[in-house]
Amino acid sequence: MTDERDDDGHEFSSGQGVDADYDAFTLDPPELGEDPSRVDPVDSRVLTEELDRRNIGSEDVDVEQLIDVGLSYMGINRFEEATETFERAANFAEEDSLEAQEAWVNKGAAHAQLEEFDQAIGAYQEALRIDEESEHAATAETNLAYSLWESGRGEQALEHAERAVETDPRFAEAWYNRGFLLVERGLAEDAVKCFDNAIRLGYRDAGVLEEKARALEEAGDHEQAEEVADRAEELRREAEEQMVEEQTGQAPGPGGQAPQGGRGGRGAGGRGGAGGRGGQNGEPEGPERELQGEGPEGF
């Protein structure tokens, strides 16, 4: 059976159409602010960011919420996604605002977790360009010192560690970093004072005491160095026992070996080892020495 077509076909309306200048709808691509001939095709983010700015107004984006998304990525160790999220937050934030600075500091911390220290240094420098005296500045200086140290630029690292304590004299981790770098420069007595400041401000883990003991040893105060080293070993053992209790619900038995305790810090980003000290005469290496890098803001 076949359908019979209606002899009276439907007559479509025939209007005058639209003027040639009508531009409410077009299939032509938008004009981009970037000249495509001057954009490296490998750097696809340039076009993506330009389209973001055209299609989504800054007033339509909650920058604080976007930063929170980045922090959530940091919390589950998805650092590549975190760097992209923080960069987008910085692009949508009001130019040179505190929110933009916070996003750049966090972006640096995420890069540092990926050991992308050149990118981390660039992010921290951009944050400090915005404001060298804000509430985020000391964190940026501290993280910048860490990334410079990891990049083998110890002298510059010390400069920024000193700026961090000048910016916020109550920043314990900044005092620790300054002491750590002073020991490297052979200024042991000044380093001891820095570690004492860090301890007074609440930074009291085994690593700080180990660095203080090292500084005391180099300063020639062997007796006090031994006392501080013993206290550091005691704290490290207590931390290991507590870690085992939290993980297994019971303390390690005789002869049991607790997992090695990690260095504590105010956050998860930007930290890493600075090289261990080997023992003598075939003795095992001591605990890994670390410069402190601050974690992401608000994490």
Protein backbone atom coordinates (compact mmCIF):
# COMPACT_ATOMS: atom_id res chain seq x y z
CA MET A 1 0.00 0.00 0.00
CA THR A 2 1.36 3.38 -0.96
CA ASP A 3 0.55 6.75 0.41
CA GLU A 4 -1.19 9.08 -1.94
CA ARG A 5 0.23 12.55 -1.91
CA ASP A 6 -2.18 15.38 -1.45
CA ASP A 7 -2.61 17.20 -4.72
CA ASP A 8 -3.03 20.39 -2.74
CA GLY A 9 0.55 20.63 -1.40
CA HIS A 10 1.27 22.85 1.56
CA GLU A 11 2.21 26.35 0.49
CA PHE A 12 5.09 27.72 2.54
CA SER A 13 5.09 31.39 3.40
CA SER A 14 7.28 33.55 1.28
CA GLY A 15 8.52 36.59 3.16
CA GLN A 16 10.95 39.28 2.30
CA GLY A 17 13.75 37.60 4.34
CA VAL A 18 16.19 39.68 6.41
CA ASP A 19 18.40 42.57 5.52
CA ALA A 20 21.97 41.87 4.50
CA ASP A 21 23.19 43.73 7.60
CA TYR A 22 21.29 41.48 10.01
CA ASP A 23 23.82 39.95 12.43
CA ALA A 24 21.76 38.52 15.27
CA PHE A 25 22.57 35.07 13.98
CA THR A 26 25.47 33.98 11.87
CA LEU A 27 27.38 30.82 11.10
CA ASP A 28 30.61 32.77 10.81
CA PRO A 29 33.08 32.24 13.68
CA PRO A 30 33.53 35.12 16.13
CA GLU A 31 36.38 37.49 15.61
CA LEU A 32 39.07 36.62 18.12
CA GLY A 33 41.32 39.09 19.84
CA GLU A 34 44.31 36.89 19.02
CA ASP A 35 45.70 36.73 15.49
CA PRO A 36 45.57 32.98 14.66
CA SER A 37 48.63 33.35 12.44
CA ARG A 38 50.63 34.45 15.49
CA VAL A 39 49.39 31.73 17.88
CA ASP A 40 51.48 28.62 18.30
CA PRO A 41 49.07 25.79 17.28
CA VAL A 42 50.52 23.70 20.11
CA ASP A 43 49.30 26.27 22.64
CA SER A 44 45.61 25.51 22.31
CA ARG A 45 44.84 27.22 25.62
CA VAL A 46 45.21 30.67 24.02
CA LEU A 47 42.09 30.20 21.90
CA THR A 48 40.23 28.43 24.70
CA GLU A 49 40.82 31.31 27.10
CA GLU A 50 39.86 33.88 24.45
CA LEU A 51 36.60 32.05 23.79
CA ASP A 52 35.97 31.80 27.54
CA ARG A 53 36.23 35.56 27.87
CA ARG A 54 33.90 36.12 24.90
CA ASN A 55 31.24 33.59 25.85
CA ILE A 56 31.29 33.88 29.65
CA GLY A 57 31.35 37.26 31.31
CA SER A 58 33.46 37.71 34.44
CA GLU A 59 30.33 38.71 36.34
CA ASP A 60 28.88 35.25 35.60
CA VAL A 61 31.78 33.39 37.25
CA ASP A 62 32.14 32.86 41.00
CA VAL A 63 35.93 33.06 41.28
CA GLU A 64 35.96 31.94 44.92
CA GLN A 65 33.99 28.83 44.00
CA LEU A 66 36.36 28.16 41.12
CA ILE A 67 39.31 28.37 43.53
CA ASP A 68 37.51 25.91 45.81
CA VAL A 69 37.25 23.50 42.87
CA GLY A 70 41.00 23.80 42.38
CA LEU A 71 41.58 23.10 46.05
CA SER A 72 39.38 20.02 45.77
CA TYR A 73 41.57 18.78 42.92
CA MET A 74 44.61 19.35 45.15
CA GLY A 75 42.95 17.31 47.88
CA ILE A 76 42.68 14.25 45.62
CA ASN A 77 46.14 14.74 44.05
CA ARG A 78 44.88 15.77 40.62
CA PHE A 79 47.42 18.53 40.29
CA GLU A 80 47.27 19.03 36.51
CA GLU A 81 43.55 19.77 36.72
CA ALA A 82 44.27 22.04 39.68
CA THR A 83 46.76 24.14 37.71
CA GLU A 84 44.23 24.62 34.91
CA THR A 85 41.46 25.52 37.33
CA PHE A 86 43.54 28.06 39.23
CA GLU A 87 44.71 29.65 35.98
CA ARG A 88 41.12 30.01 34.86
CA ALA A 89 40.21 31.53 38.22
CA ALA A 90 43.04 34.05 37.85
CA ASN A 91 41.82 34.96 34.34
CA PHE A 92 38.24 35.54 35.49
CA ALA A 93 39.17 37.41 38.69
CA GLU A 94 39.23 41.18 38.71
CA GLU A 95 42.61 42.33 37.44
CA ASP A 96 45.28 42.56 40.17
CA SER A 97 42.75 41.65 42.87
CA LEU A 98 43.38 39.57 45.99
CA GLU A 99 41.39 36.75 44.40
CA ALA A 100 43.68 36.79 41.38
CA GLN A 101 46.72 36.74 43.66
CA GLU A 102 45.32 33.82 45.65
CA ALA A 103 44.71 31.88 42.44
CA TRP A 104 48.30 32.46 41.26
CA VAL A 105 49.73 31.32 44.62
CA ASN A 106 47.67 28.15 44.48
CA LYS A 107 48.63 27.55 40.86
CA GLY A 108 52.28 27.70 41.91
CA ALA A 109 51.67 25.17 44.69
CA ALA A 110 50.05 22.76 42.23
CA HIS A 111 52.95 23.10 39.79
CA ALA A 112 55.40 22.47 42.64
CA GLN A 113 53.61 19.22 43.46
CA LEU A 114 54.23 18.19 39.86
CA GLU A 115 57.89 19.28 40.27
CA GLU A 116 57.31 21.86 37.54
CA PHE A 117 59.38 24.41 39.39
CA ASP A 118 59.88 26.89 36.55
CA GLN A 119 56.10 27.22 36.17
CA ALA A 120 55.73 27.44 39.96
CA ILE A 121 58.30 30.24 40.13
CA GLY A 122 56.46 32.13 37.40
CA ALA A 123 53.13 31.79 39.23
CA TYR A 124 54.56 33.04 42.53
CA GLN A 125 56.27 35.95 40.80
CA GLU A 126 52.98 36.93 39.19
CA ALA A 127 51.29 36.78 42.59
CA LEU A 128 53.94 39.06 44.10
CA ARG A 129 53.68 41.45 41.17
CA ILE A 130 50.07 42.02 42.16
CA ASP A 131 50.89 42.92 45.78
CA GLU A 132 54.04 42.40 47.83
CA GLU A 133 52.39 43.24 51.16
CA SER A 134 49.01 41.51 51.09
CA GLU A 135 47.78 38.63 53.23
CA HIS A 136 48.98 36.19 50.53
CA ALA A 137 52.41 37.75 50.02
CA ALA A 138 54.29 35.88 52.77
CA THR A 139 52.98 32.56 51.45
CA ALA A 140 54.06 33.48 47.93
CA GLU A 141 57.54 34.47 49.16
CA THR A 142 57.90 31.25 51.16
CA ASN A 143 56.79 29.07 48.24
CA LEU A 144 59.00 31.00 45.85
CA ALA A 145 61.99 30.37 48.14
CA TYR A 146 61.20 26.65 48.10
CA SER A 147 60.90 26.42 44.31
CA LEU A 148 64.08 28.45 43.78
CA TRP A 149 65.91 26.10 46.15
CA GLU A 150 64.66 23.08 44.25
CA SER A 151 65.85 24.73 41.04
CA GLY A 152 69.38 25.08 42.44
CA ARG A 153 69.16 28.83 43.03
CA GLY A 154 69.97 28.90 46.72
CA GLU A 155 71.09 32.53 46.95
CA GLN A 156 67.84 33.81 45.46
CA ALA A 157 65.93 31.39 47.69
CA LEU A 158 67.47 32.99 50.80
CA GLU A 159 66.49 36.46 49.58
CA HIS A 160 62.84 35.44 49.35
CA ALA A 161 62.91 33.53 52.63
CA GLU A 162 64.09 36.74 54.27
CA ARG A 163 61.35 38.75 52.55
CA ALA A 164 58.80 36.25 53.85
CA VAL A 165 59.73 36.88 57.50
CA GLU A 166 59.83 40.62 56.88
CA THR A 167 56.34 40.48 55.36
CA ASP A 168 54.91 38.32 58.17
CA PRO A 169 57.15 38.01 61.26
CA ARG A 170 54.72 35.49 62.78
CA PHE A 171 54.98 33.03 59.90
CA ALA A 172 56.69 30.02 61.52
CA GLU A 173 57.48 28.15 58.30
CA ALA A 174 59.15 31.25 56.88
CA TRP A 175 61.50 31.39 59.90
CA TYR A 176 62.27 27.71 59.43
CA ASN A 177 63.15 28.25 55.76
CA ARG A 178 65.39 31.20 56.59
CA GLY A 179 67.21 29.10 59.20
CA PHE A 180 67.58 26.18 56.81
CA LEU A 181 69.14 28.38 54.13
CA LEU A 182 71.39 30.19 56.60
CA VAL A 183 72.86 26.84 57.66
CA GLU A 184 73.61 26.18 54.01
CA ARG A 185 75.51 29.47 53.90
CA GLY A 186 77.52 28.60 57.04
CA LEU A 187 75.70 31.13 59.27
CA ALA A 188 74.86 28.60 61.97
CA GLU A 189 74.38 30.97 64.94
CA ASP A 190 71.87 33.11 63.03
CA ALA A 191 70.14 29.93 61.89
CA VAL A 192 69.66 28.76 65.51
CA LYS A 193 67.79 32.00 66.26
CA CYS A 194 65.54 31.43 63.26
CA PHE A 195 64.69 27.90 64.39
CA ASP A 196 63.97 29.18 67.90
CA ASN A 197 61.54 31.73 66.41
CA ALA A 198 59.83 28.99 64.39
CA ILE A 199 59.47 26.84 67.51
CA ARG A 200 58.10 29.75 69.58
CA LEU A 201 55.52 30.37 66.85
CA GLY A 202 54.27 26.77 67.10
CA TYR A 203 56.36 24.87 64.55
CA ARG A 204 57.51 22.04 66.81
CA ASP A 205 57.92 18.89 64.76
CA ALA A 206 60.97 16.64 64.70
CA GLY A 207 62.34 18.14 61.49
CA VAL A 208 62.72 21.62 63.00
CA LEU A 209 64.59 20.21 65.99
CA GLU A 210 66.84 18.15 63.73
CA GLU A 211 67.78 21.27 61.77
CA LYS A 212 68.36 23.19 65.00
CA ALA A 213 70.61 20.39 66.27
CA ARG A 214 72.56 20.52 63.02
CA ALA A 215 72.99 24.30 63.34
CA LEU A 216 74.11 23.96 66.98
CA GLU A 217 76.63 21.31 65.98
CA GLU A 218 78.08 23.55 63.29
CA ALA A 219 78.15 26.46 65.74
CA GLY A 220 80.26 24.35 68.13
CA ASP A 221 77.63 23.83 70.84
CA HIS A 222 77.92 20.03 70.81
CA GLU A 223 76.27 19.34 74.17
CA GLN A 224 73.10 21.26 73.41
CA ALA A 225 73.07 19.85 69.88
CA GLU A 226 72.96 16.34 71.32
CA GLU A 227 70.11 17.24 73.68
CA VAL A 228 68.05 18.75 70.85
CA ALA A 229 68.78 15.77 68.58
CA ASP A 230 67.57 13.38 71.30
CA ARG A 231 64.36 15.37 71.66
CA ALA A 232 63.88 15.30 67.87
CA GLU A 233 64.28 11.51 67.83
CA GLU A 234 61.74 11.22 70.63
CA LEU A 235 59.22 13.36 68.74
CA ARG A 236 59.75 11.39 65.55
CA ARG A 237 59.19 8.09 67.38
CA GLU A 238 56.01 9.45 68.98
CA ALA A 239 54.76 10.64 65.59
CA GLU A 240 55.42 7.25 64.03
CA GLU A 241 53.59 5.44 66.84
CA GLN A 242 50.63 7.79 66.51
CA MET A 243 50.53 7.22 62.76
CA VAL A 244 50.44 3.46 63.25
CA GLU A 245 47.67 3.78 65.83
CA GLU A 246 45.61 5.89 63.43
CA GLN A 247 46.10 3.46 60.55
CA THR A 248 45.72 0.14 62.38
CA GLY A 249 44.05 1.04 65.63
CA GLN A 250 46.94 -0.40 67.65
CA ALA A 251 50.51 0.43 68.57
CA PRO A 252 53.37 -1.48 66.91
CA GLY A 253 54.50 -4.57 68.82
CA PRO A 254 58.06 -5.38 69.89
CA GLY A 255 60.36 -5.42 66.90
CA GLY A 256 57.64 -3.88 64.72
CA GLN A 257 58.63 -1.11 62.34
CA ALA A 258 56.41 1.92 62.09
CA PRO A 259 56.25 3.78 58.79
CA GLN A 260 58.59 6.73 58.41
CA GLY A 261 56.88 9.93 59.52
CA GLY A 262 56.58 12.73 56.99
CA ARG A 263 57.33 16.39 57.47
CA GLY A 264 54.36 18.39 58.67
CA GLY A 265 53.34 21.65 57.03
CA ARG A 266 50.44 24.05 56.70
CA GLY A 267 49.08 22.48 53.59
CA ALA A 268 49.73 19.89 50.95
CA GLY A 269 51.29 21.85 48.14
CA GLY A 270 54.78 22.94 47.35
CA ARG A 271 56.71 20.62 49.62
CA GLY A 272 59.52 18.27 48.78
CA GLY A 273 62.86 16.91 49.82
CA ALA A 274 65.99 18.98 49.63
CA GLY A 275 68.42 16.08 49.62
CA GLY A 276 69.38 13.73 52.42
CA ARG A 277 72.56 13.70 54.47
CA GLY A 278 74.52 10.49 54.12
CA GLY A 279 76.02 8.77 57.14
CA GLN A 280 79.70 8.05 57.54
CA ASN A 281 81.50 4.68 57.44
CA GLY A 282 78.60 2.95 55.73
CA GLU A 283 76.00 4.12 58.26
CA PRO A 284 72.49 4.61 56.90
CA GLU A 285 71.38 8.05 55.84
CA GLY A 286 69.63 10.25 58.35
CA PRO A 287 66.13 11.66 57.86
CA GLU A 288 65.69 13.54 54.61
CA ARG A 289 66.29 17.26 54.97
CA GLU A 290 63.54 19.42 53.54
CA LEU A 291 62.94 23.04 52.86
CA GLN A 292 59.40 24.00 53.73
CA GLY A 293 56.95 25.01 51.03
CA GLU A 294 53.57 26.36 51.97
CA GLY A 295 50.45 24.56 50.81
CA PRO A 296 47.66 26.14 48.78
CA GLU A 297 45.82 29.06 50.31
CA GLY A 298 42.77 27.98 52.27
CA PHE A 299 43.51 24.26 51.95
